[in-house]
Amino acid sequence: MSVHREEERFVIRIELSAEFGAGYEEDDDGYAWLEAWRLNVQPRLVRAVFEQLRADNRFDAIAVSRGKSQDEELEIAVRFDSHRRARA
């Protein structure tokens, strides 16, 4: 049985940066701003993305590891199931 498959890509890229005053010496804060992002913002963002991807039961979403650090990249495989009906 032949299966027809279609693929597409949608990318959300977030570039993180921090600015400090003139008296700042490199690594003074030990990248505390980045740790705050990873502990507080990033988990909420990931939960929200998955919540929205799964809001339509015709779509399955799973995190896919491609050997990259989870601190630096989240790749999600989303599959549409044409046999499922949208929730009313």
C-alpha atoms as a PDB file:
ATOM      1  CA  MET A   1       0.000   0.000   0.000  1.00  0.00           C
ATOM      2  CA  SER A   2       1.433   3.342  -1.037  1.00  0.00           C
ATOM      3  CA  VAL A   3       1.398   6.187   1.475  1.00  0.00           C
ATOM      4  CA  HIS A   4       1.478   9.830   0.499  1.00  0.00           C
ATOM      5  CA  ARG A   5       3.496  12.014   2.867  1.00  0.00           C
ATOM      6  CA  GLU A   6       3.713  15.791   2.937  1.00  0.00           C
ATOM      7  CA  GLU A   7       6.216  17.748   5.021  1.00  0.00           C
ATOM      8  CA  GLU A   8       6.725  21.357   5.969  1.00  0.00           C
ATOM      9  CA  ARG A   9       8.742  23.310   8.530  1.00  0.00           C
ATOM     10  CA  PHE A  10       7.795  26.117  10.918  1.00  0.00           C
ATOM     11  CA  VAL A  11      10.576  27.728  12.950  1.00  0.00           C
ATOM     12  CA  ILE A  12      10.417  29.936  16.029  1.00  0.00           C
ATOM     13  CA  ARG A  13      13.913  31.139  16.875  1.00  0.00           C
ATOM     14  CA  ILE A  14      14.641  33.046  20.069  1.00  0.00           C
ATOM     15  CA  GLU A  15      17.962  34.866  20.311  1.00  0.00           C
ATOM     16  CA  LEU A  16      18.935  35.604  23.924  1.00  0.00           C
ATOM     17  CA  SER A  17      21.200  38.444  25.039  1.00  0.00           C
ATOM     18  CA  ALA A  18      21.916  40.544  28.124  1.00  0.00           C
ATOM     19  CA  GLU A  19      23.383  44.021  28.473  1.00  0.00           C
ATOM     20  CA  PHE A  20      25.444  45.278  31.396  1.00  0.00           C
ATOM     21  CA  GLY A  21      26.880  48.645  32.420  1.00  0.00           C
ATOM     22  CA  ALA A  22      30.345  49.930  31.580  1.00  0.00           C
ATOM     23  CA  GLY A  23      31.850  48.619  34.833  1.00  0.00           C
ATOM     24  CA  TYR A  24      30.900  45.036  34.091  1.00  0.00           C
ATOM     25  CA  GLU A  25      33.735  42.562  33.948  1.00  0.00           C
ATOM     26  CA  GLU A  26      33.220  39.471  31.854  1.00  0.00           C
ATOM     27  CA  ASP A  27      31.296  36.701  33.620  1.00  0.00           C
ATOM     28  CA  ASP A  28      30.750  38.820  36.777  1.00  0.00           C
ATOM     29  CA  ASP A  29      27.314  37.312  37.267  1.00  0.00           C
ATOM     30  CA  GLY A  30      28.233  33.798  36.132  1.00  0.00           C
ATOM     31  CA  TYR A  31      25.546  34.012  33.444  1.00  0.00           C
ATOM     32  CA  ALA A  32      22.833  34.324  36.110  1.00  0.00           C
ATOM     33  CA  TRP A  33      20.514  35.906  33.543  1.00  0.00           C
ATOM     34  CA  LEU A  34      20.816  32.810  31.342  1.00  0.00           C
ATOM     35  CA  GLU A  35      20.223  30.483  34.274  1.00  0.00           C
ATOM     36  CA  ALA A  36      17.097  32.507  35.150  1.00  0.00           C
ATOM     37  CA  TRP A  37      15.889  32.011  31.560  1.00  0.00           C
ATOM     38  CA  ARG A  38      16.552  28.268  31.680  1.00  0.00           C
ATOM     39  CA  LEU A  39      14.924  27.750  35.089  1.00  0.00           C
ATOM     40  CA  ASN A  40      11.950  30.099  34.825  1.00  0.00           C
ATOM     41  CA  VAL A  41      11.018  31.128  31.313  1.00  0.00           C
ATOM     42  CA  GLN A  42      12.104  28.237  29.112  1.00  0.00           C
ATOM     43  CA  PRO A  43      10.032  25.533  30.891  1.00  0.00           C
ATOM     44  CA  ARG A  44       6.890  27.704  30.768  1.00  0.00           C
ATOM     45  CA  LEU A  45       7.469  28.425  27.096  1.00  0.00           C
ATOM     46  CA  VAL A  46       7.924  24.732  26.277  1.00  0.00           C
ATOM     47  CA  ARG A  47       4.762  23.783  28.211  1.00  0.00           C
ATOM     48  CA  ALA A  48       2.767  26.479  26.430  1.00  0.00           C
ATOM     49  CA  VAL A  49       4.005  25.369  23.003  1.00  0.00           C
ATOM     50  CA  PHE A  50       3.090  21.733  23.666  1.00  0.00           C
ATOM     51  CA  GLU A  51      -0.272  22.734  25.139  1.00  0.00           C
ATOM     52  CA  GLN A  52      -1.165  24.623  21.984  1.00  0.00           C
ATOM     53  CA  LEU A  53       0.165  21.958  19.633  1.00  0.00           C
ATOM     54  CA  ARG A  54      -1.942  19.328  21.383  1.00  0.00           C
ATOM     55  CA  ALA A  55      -5.065  21.497  21.625  1.00  0.00           C
ATOM     56  CA  ASP A  56      -6.248  20.040  18.316  1.00  0.00           C
ATOM     57  CA  ASN A  57      -6.406  16.275  18.855  1.00  0.00           C
ATOM     58  CA  ARG A  58      -5.637  15.630  15.176  1.00  0.00           C
ATOM     59  CA  PHE A  59      -2.027  16.593  15.896  1.00  0.00           C
ATOM     60  CA  ASP A  60       0.530  14.648  17.927  1.00  0.00           C
ATOM     61  CA  ALA A  61       3.584  16.516  19.181  1.00  0.00           C
ATOM     62  CA  ILE A  62       6.695  14.952  20.643  1.00  0.00           C
ATOM     63  CA  ALA A  63      10.111  16.347  21.505  1.00  0.00           C
ATOM     64  CA  VAL A  64      12.777  14.940  19.201  1.00  0.00           C
ATOM     65  CA  SER A  65      16.384  14.649  20.280  1.00  0.00           C
ATOM     66  CA  ARG A  66      18.862  15.114  17.475  1.00  0.00           C
ATOM     67  CA  GLY A  67      21.938  15.118  19.703  1.00  0.00           C
ATOM     68  CA  LYS A  68      21.704  18.811  20.569  1.00  0.00           C
ATOM     69  CA  SER A  69      21.678  20.183  24.098  1.00  0.00           C
ATOM     70  CA  GLN A  70      18.154  20.690  25.482  1.00  0.00           C
ATOM     71  CA  ASP A  71      19.419  23.991  26.916  1.00  0.00           C
ATOM     72  CA  GLU A  72      20.097  25.236  23.398  1.00  0.00           C
ATOM     73  CA  GLU A  73      17.458  23.705  21.175  1.00  0.00           C
ATOM     74  CA  LEU A  74      14.046  22.113  21.256  1.00  0.00           C
ATOM     75  CA  GLU A  75      12.941  20.252  18.172  1.00  0.00           C
ATOM     76  CA  ILE A  76       9.370  19.024  18.039  1.00  0.00           C
ATOM     77  CA  ALA A  77       7.955  16.488  15.617  1.00  0.00           C
ATOM     78  CA  VAL A  78       4.305  17.221  14.872  1.00  0.00           C
ATOM     79  CA  ARG A  79       2.219  14.634  13.047  1.00  0.00           C
ATOM     80  CA  PHE A  80      -1.258  15.152  11.643  1.00  0.00           C
ATOM     81  CA  ASP A  81      -3.582  12.148  11.802  1.00  0.00           C
ATOM     82  CA  SER A  82      -6.118  12.498   8.999  1.00  0.00           C
ATOM     83  CA  HIS A  83      -8.316   9.798  10.536  1.00  0.00           C
ATOM     84  CA  ARG A  84      -9.025  11.773  13.687  1.00  0.00           C
ATOM     85  CA  ARG A  85     -11.778  14.331  13.911  1.00  0.00           C
ATOM     86  CA  ALA A  86     -11.297  17.697  15.550  1.00  0.00           C
ATOM     87  CA  ARG A  87     -12.856  18.054  18.995  1.00  0.00           C
ATOM     88  CA  ALA A  88     -16.197  19.801  18.926  1.00  0.00           C
END
